[in-house]
Amino acid sequence: MRRRRNRQSGAVTIEFALTYVGLIIPVTFAIIFTAELLWVWHSAIEWTREGARYAATHCWQSDASNVTGYMRNNVPLNIDQAQFATGPAEIAISYYAKDPLSGAYVDFTCSGDCSVTCVPDLVIVTVSGYQFTKFLNYLGLNPIALPDFTTTLPVEGAGCNPEDLSCSP
């Protein structure tokens, strides 16, 4: 009886080590990877919404530099913050006006910037070109391209006060 026990005394330790290396560690890293990806996804959605809110409540500029500047300076905290602030993630802002005849939205144009006569009806902010690369570089895998994030909002005065004809950028 004693001899048999000595031959199997390390079997439990080896089974635990194999289970730990083969199952517990990969599942732990998969959970961390998924949490990081969802954190960046949520941050990108919130960032797009914040940019659309800013565009809807501030002056229209033909180059949308006020909105892109605000967005680049106010990237939410996440692990890929640099990609959104200065990196390959692109911001596109489109303004539209409602055509009184057809009721359809058409591209908004105006001869000047930031005035009570230059107020669009709708703004669409799109963030595109982001690729999730964290943790995948270590494994030699390709980055994950996230879809475009788009938010559409009606313009709320565009930062202009029609009573005193003043606008704030």
C-alpha atoms as a PDB file:
ATOM      1  CA  MET A   1       0.000   0.000   0.000  1.00  0.00           C
ATOM      2  CA  ARG A   2       2.763   2.442   0.877  1.00  0.00           C
ATOM      3  CA  ARG A   3       4.628   1.853  -2.367  1.00  0.00           C
ATOM      4  CA  ARG A   4       1.568   2.644  -4.482  1.00  0.00           C
ATOM      5  CA  ARG A   5       1.010   5.987  -2.733  1.00  0.00           C
ATOM      6  CA  ASN A   6       4.583   7.143  -3.449  1.00  0.00           C
ATOM      7  CA  ARG A   7       4.235   6.501  -7.182  1.00  0.00           C
ATOM      8  CA  GLN A   8       1.132   8.771  -7.454  1.00  0.00           C
ATOM      9  CA  SER A   9       2.134  11.546  -5.078  1.00  0.00           C
ATOM     10  CA  GLY A  10       3.057  14.052  -7.848  1.00  0.00           C
ATOM     11  CA  ALA A  11       0.130  13.314 -10.167  1.00  0.00           C
ATOM     12  CA  VAL A  12      -2.162  15.902  -8.607  1.00  0.00           C
ATOM     13  CA  THR A  13       0.488  18.598  -8.870  1.00  0.00           C
ATOM     14  CA  ILE A  14       1.103  17.826 -12.542  1.00  0.00           C
ATOM     15  CA  GLU A  15      -2.643  17.799 -13.319  1.00  0.00           C
ATOM     16  CA  PHE A  16      -3.042  21.157 -11.596  1.00  0.00           C
ATOM     17  CA  ALA A  17      -0.079  22.642 -13.503  1.00  0.00           C
ATOM     18  CA  LEU A  18      -1.441  21.430 -16.844  1.00  0.00           C
ATOM     19  CA  THR A  19      -4.908  22.760 -16.071  1.00  0.00           C
ATOM     20  CA  TYR A  20      -3.493  26.084 -14.900  1.00  0.00           C
ATOM     21  CA  VAL A  21      -1.284  26.574 -17.969  1.00  0.00           C
ATOM     22  CA  GLY A  22      -3.740  25.155 -20.476  1.00  0.00           C
ATOM     23  CA  LEU A  23      -7.011  26.594 -19.185  1.00  0.00           C
ATOM     24  CA  ILE A  24      -6.877  29.166 -16.405  1.00  0.00           C
ATOM     25  CA  ILE A  25      -4.167  31.452 -17.835  1.00  0.00           C
ATOM     26  CA  PRO A  26      -5.647  31.637 -21.383  1.00  0.00           C
ATOM     27  CA  VAL A  27      -9.159  32.277 -20.038  1.00  0.00           C
ATOM     28  CA  THR A  28      -7.823  35.025 -17.766  1.00  0.00           C
ATOM     29  CA  PHE A  29      -6.040  36.741 -20.666  1.00  0.00           C
ATOM     30  CA  ALA A  30      -9.159  36.387 -22.846  1.00  0.00           C
ATOM     31  CA  ILE A  31     -11.240  38.134 -20.177  1.00  0.00           C
ATOM     32  CA  ILE A  32      -8.670  40.949 -19.869  1.00  0.00           C
ATOM     33  CA  PHE A  33      -8.474  41.327 -23.661  1.00  0.00           C
ATOM     34  CA  THR A  34     -12.261  41.468 -24.003  1.00  0.00           C
ATOM     35  CA  ALA A  35     -12.556  43.989 -21.172  1.00  0.00           C
ATOM     36  CA  GLU A  36      -9.960  46.263 -22.799  1.00  0.00           C
ATOM     37  CA  LEU A  37     -11.692  46.019 -26.173  1.00  0.00           C
ATOM     38  CA  LEU A  38     -15.094  46.841 -24.678  1.00  0.00           C
ATOM     39  CA  TRP A  39     -13.590  49.736 -22.712  1.00  0.00           C
ATOM     40  CA  VAL A  40     -12.180  51.293 -25.894  1.00  0.00           C
ATOM     41  CA  TRP A  41     -15.430  50.580 -27.773  1.00  0.00           C
ATOM     42  CA  HIS A  42     -17.485  52.349 -25.115  1.00  0.00           C
ATOM     43  CA  SER A  43     -15.024  55.261 -24.994  1.00  0.00           C
ATOM     44  CA  ALA A  44     -15.190  55.703 -28.772  1.00  0.00           C
ATOM     45  CA  ILE A  45     -18.992  55.719 -28.724  1.00  0.00           C
ATOM     46  CA  GLU A  46     -19.084  58.257 -25.905  1.00  0.00           C
ATOM     47  CA  TRP A  47     -16.437  60.391 -27.627  1.00  0.00           C
ATOM     48  CA  THR A  48     -18.486  60.457 -30.841  1.00  0.00           C
ATOM     49  CA  ARG A  49     -21.628  61.437 -28.928  1.00  0.00           C
ATOM     50  CA  GLU A  50     -19.783  64.191 -27.062  1.00  0.00           C
ATOM     51  CA  GLY A  51     -18.434  65.534 -30.356  1.00  0.00           C
ATOM     52  CA  ALA A  52     -21.923  65.567 -31.870  1.00  0.00           C
ATOM     53  CA  ARG A  53     -23.304  67.395 -28.822  1.00  0.00           C
ATOM     54  CA  TYR A  54     -20.548  69.967 -29.120  1.00  0.00           C
ATOM     55  CA  ALA A  55     -21.169  70.415 -32.859  1.00  0.00           C
ATOM     56  CA  ALA A  56     -24.922  70.817 -32.285  1.00  0.00           C
ATOM     57  CA  THR A  57     -24.464  73.559 -29.701  1.00  0.00           C
ATOM     58  CA  HIS A  58     -21.547  75.529 -31.173  1.00  0.00           C
ATOM     59  CA  CYS A  59     -20.964  77.641 -34.270  1.00  0.00           C
ATOM     60  CA  TRP A  60     -20.807  76.133 -37.714  1.00  0.00           C
ATOM     61  CA  GLN A  61     -17.422  76.504 -39.360  1.00  0.00           C
ATOM     62  CA  SER A  62     -16.817  75.374 -42.915  1.00  0.00           C
ATOM     63  CA  ASP A  63     -13.767  73.319 -41.937  1.00  0.00           C
ATOM     64  CA  ALA A  64     -15.302  72.096 -38.629  1.00  0.00           C
ATOM     65  CA  SER A  65     -12.009  72.879 -36.921  1.00  0.00           C
ATOM     66  CA  ASN A  66     -13.749  73.946 -33.718  1.00  0.00           C
ATOM     67  CA  VAL A  67     -15.400  70.519 -33.356  1.00  0.00           C
ATOM     68  CA  THR A  68     -12.358  68.449 -34.359  1.00  0.00           C
ATOM     69  CA  GLY A  69     -10.141  70.541 -32.077  1.00  0.00           C
ATOM     70  CA  TYR A  70     -12.545  70.041 -29.174  1.00  0.00           C
ATOM     71  CA  MET A  71     -12.740  66.317 -29.803  1.00  0.00           C
ATOM     72  CA  ARG A  72      -8.968  65.854 -30.116  1.00  0.00           C
ATOM     73  CA  ASN A  73      -8.450  67.747 -26.849  1.00  0.00           C
ATOM     74  CA  ASN A  74     -11.178  65.854 -24.948  1.00  0.00           C
ATOM     75  CA  VAL A  75     -10.580  62.180 -25.678  1.00  0.00           C
ATOM     76  CA  PRO A  76     -12.000  60.027 -22.869  1.00  0.00           C
ATOM     77  CA  LEU A  77      -9.582  58.026 -20.778  1.00  0.00           C
ATOM     78  CA  ASN A  78      -8.813  54.663 -22.364  1.00  0.00           C
ATOM     79  CA  ILE A  79      -5.789  52.531 -23.217  1.00  0.00           C
ATOM     80  CA  ASP A  80      -5.602  53.789 -26.835  1.00  0.00           C
ATOM     81  CA  GLN A  81      -6.152  57.458 -26.088  1.00  0.00           C
ATOM     82  CA  ALA A  82      -3.247  58.482 -28.349  1.00  0.00           C
ATOM     83  CA  GLN A  83      -4.825  56.841 -31.409  1.00  0.00           C
ATOM     84  CA  PHE A  84      -7.887  59.052 -30.969  1.00  0.00           C
ATOM     85  CA  ALA A  85      -6.036  62.252 -30.031  1.00  0.00           C
ATOM     86  CA  THR A  86      -3.315  62.235 -32.676  1.00  0.00           C
ATOM     87  CA  GLY A  87      -3.322  58.861 -34.351  1.00  0.00           C
ATOM     88  CA  PRO A  88      -5.015  57.146 -37.233  1.00  0.00           C
ATOM     89  CA  ALA A  89      -8.574  57.485 -35.913  1.00  0.00           C
ATOM     90  CA  GLU A  90     -10.307  59.988 -38.200  1.00  0.00           C
ATOM     91  CA  ILE A  91     -13.087  62.438 -37.368  1.00  0.00           C
ATOM     92  CA  ALA A  92     -15.626  63.442 -40.014  1.00  0.00           C
ATOM     93  CA  ILE A  93     -18.229  66.131 -39.354  1.00  0.00           C
ATOM     94  CA  SER A  94     -21.066  66.688 -41.827  1.00  0.00           C
ATOM     95  CA  TYR A  95     -23.698  69.396 -41.579  1.00  0.00           C
ATOM     96  CA  TYR A  96     -27.042  69.255 -43.348  1.00  0.00           C
ATOM     97  CA  ALA A  97     -29.945  71.613 -43.980  1.00  0.00           C
ATOM     98  CA  LYS A  98     -33.541  70.597 -44.590  1.00  0.00           C
ATOM     99  CA  ASP A  99     -34.714  71.446 -48.089  1.00  0.00           C
ATOM    100  CA  PRO A 100     -38.031  73.286 -47.701  1.00  0.00           C
ATOM    101  CA  LEU A 101     -39.419  71.925 -50.998  1.00  0.00           C
ATOM    102  CA  SER A 102     -38.649  68.237 -50.728  1.00  0.00           C
ATOM    103  CA  GLY A 103     -38.141  67.913 -46.968  1.00  0.00           C
ATOM    104  CA  ALA A 104     -34.928  65.961 -47.586  1.00  0.00           C
ATOM    105  CA  TYR A 105     -31.633  66.846 -45.966  1.00  0.00           C
ATOM    106  CA  VAL A 106     -28.985  68.319 -48.270  1.00  0.00           C
ATOM    107  CA  ASP A 107     -25.383  69.323 -47.630  1.00  0.00           C
ATOM    108  CA  PHE A 108     -25.240  72.593 -45.722  1.00  0.00           C
ATOM    109  CA  THR A 109     -23.376  75.525 -47.240  1.00  0.00           C
ATOM    110  CA  CYS A 110     -23.059  79.099 -46.104  1.00  0.00           C
ATOM    111  CA  SER A 111     -21.009  82.085 -47.219  1.00  0.00           C
ATOM    112  CA  GLY A 112     -19.653  82.885 -43.748  1.00  0.00           C
ATOM    113  CA  ASP A 113     -18.681  81.190 -40.534  1.00  0.00           C
ATOM    114  CA  CYS A 114     -20.240  81.543 -37.094  1.00  0.00           C
ATOM    115  CA  SER A 115     -23.232  83.797 -37.642  1.00  0.00           C
ATOM    116  CA  VAL A 116     -26.969  83.608 -36.998  1.00  0.00           C
ATOM    117  CA  THR A 117     -27.521  83.178 -40.743  1.00  0.00           C
ATOM    118  CA  CYS A 118     -25.290  80.087 -40.853  1.00  0.00           C
ATOM    119  CA  VAL A 119     -27.164  77.582 -38.718  1.00  0.00           C
ATOM    120  CA  PRO A 120     -27.565  74.055 -40.129  1.00  0.00           C
ATOM    121  CA  ASP A 121     -30.398  71.736 -39.172  1.00  0.00           C
ATOM    122  CA  LEU A 122     -28.517  68.475 -38.606  1.00  0.00           C
ATOM    123  CA  VAL A 123     -24.993  67.327 -37.770  1.00  0.00           C
ATOM    124  CA  ILE A 124     -23.423  63.895 -38.216  1.00  0.00           C
ATOM    125  CA  VAL A 125     -20.149  63.057 -36.473  1.00  0.00           C
ATOM    126  CA  THR A 126     -18.293  59.919 -37.516  1.00  0.00           C
ATOM    127  CA  VAL A 127     -15.150  58.400 -36.026  1.00  0.00           C
ATOM    128  CA  SER A 128     -13.484  55.849 -38.281  1.00  0.00           C
ATOM    129  CA  GLY A 129     -10.170  54.142 -38.899  1.00  0.00           C
ATOM    130  CA  TYR A 130      -9.527  52.875 -35.373  1.00  0.00           C
ATOM    131  CA  GLN A 131      -7.776  49.531 -34.935  1.00  0.00           C
ATOM    132  CA  PHE A 132      -7.436  47.753 -31.604  1.00  0.00           C
ATOM    133  CA  THR A 133      -3.833  46.579 -31.330  1.00  0.00           C
ATOM    134  CA  LYS A 134      -3.230  46.150 -27.607  1.00  0.00           C
ATOM    135  CA  PHE A 135      -2.186  42.681 -26.518  1.00  0.00           C
ATOM    136  CA  LEU A 136      -2.391  41.381 -30.097  1.00  0.00           C
ATOM    137  CA  ASN A 137       1.094  42.673 -30.937  1.00  0.00           C
ATOM    138  CA  TYR A 138       2.615  40.325 -28.377  1.00  0.00           C
ATOM    139  CA  LEU A 139       0.943  37.339 -30.018  1.00  0.00           C
ATOM    140  CA  GLY A 140       1.808  38.379 -33.588  1.00  0.00           C
ATOM    141  CA  LEU A 141      -1.873  38.707 -34.550  1.00  0.00           C
ATOM    142  CA  ASN A 142      -3.461  41.296 -36.834  1.00  0.00           C
ATOM    143  CA  PRO A 143      -5.208  44.276 -35.214  1.00  0.00           C
ATOM    144  CA  ILE A 144      -8.982  44.296 -34.869  1.00  0.00           C
ATOM    145  CA  ALA A 145     -10.624  47.024 -36.960  1.00  0.00           C
ATOM    146  CA  LEU A 146     -13.578  48.483 -35.104  1.00  0.00           C
ATOM    147  CA  PRO A 147     -16.566  49.717 -37.127  1.00  0.00           C
ATOM    148  CA  ASP A 148     -17.255  53.391 -37.725  1.00  0.00           C
ATOM    149  CA  PHE A 149     -18.946  55.163 -34.832  1.00  0.00           C
ATOM    150  CA  THR A 150     -21.617  57.634 -35.972  1.00  0.00           C
ATOM    151  CA  THR A 151     -23.904  60.007 -34.082  1.00  0.00           C
ATOM    152  CA  THR A 152     -26.591  62.195 -35.650  1.00  0.00           C
ATOM    153  CA  LEU A 153     -28.145  65.120 -33.786  1.00  0.00           C
ATOM    154  CA  PRO A 154     -30.347  68.086 -34.658  1.00  0.00           C
ATOM    155  CA  VAL A 155     -28.516  71.387 -34.323  1.00  0.00           C
ATOM    156  CA  GLU A 156     -29.633  73.351 -31.294  1.00  0.00           C
ATOM    157  CA  GLY A 157     -28.989  76.991 -32.213  1.00  0.00           C
ATOM    158  CA  ALA A 158     -25.333  76.389 -33.086  1.00  0.00           C
ATOM    159  CA  GLY A 159     -24.207  78.626 -30.246  1.00  0.00           C
ATOM    160  CA  CYS A 160     -26.057  81.630 -31.661  1.00  0.00           C
ATOM    161  CA  ASN A 161     -28.457  83.922 -29.832  1.00  0.00           C
ATOM    162  CA  PRO A 162     -30.993  85.305 -32.347  1.00  0.00           C
ATOM    163  CA  GLU A 163     -32.064  88.095 -29.967  1.00  0.00           C
ATOM    164  CA  ASP A 164     -28.745  89.934 -29.856  1.00  0.00           C
ATOM    165  CA  LEU A 165     -27.331  88.380 -33.078  1.00  0.00           C
ATOM    166  CA  SER A 166     -24.228  87.048 -31.342  1.00  0.00           C
ATOM    167  CA  CYS A 167     -22.565  83.674 -31.697  1.00  0.00           C
ATOM    168  CA  SER A 168     -19.980  81.903 -29.593  1.00  0.00           C
ATOM    169  CA  PRO A 169     -17.623  79.462 -31.250  1.00  0.00           C
END
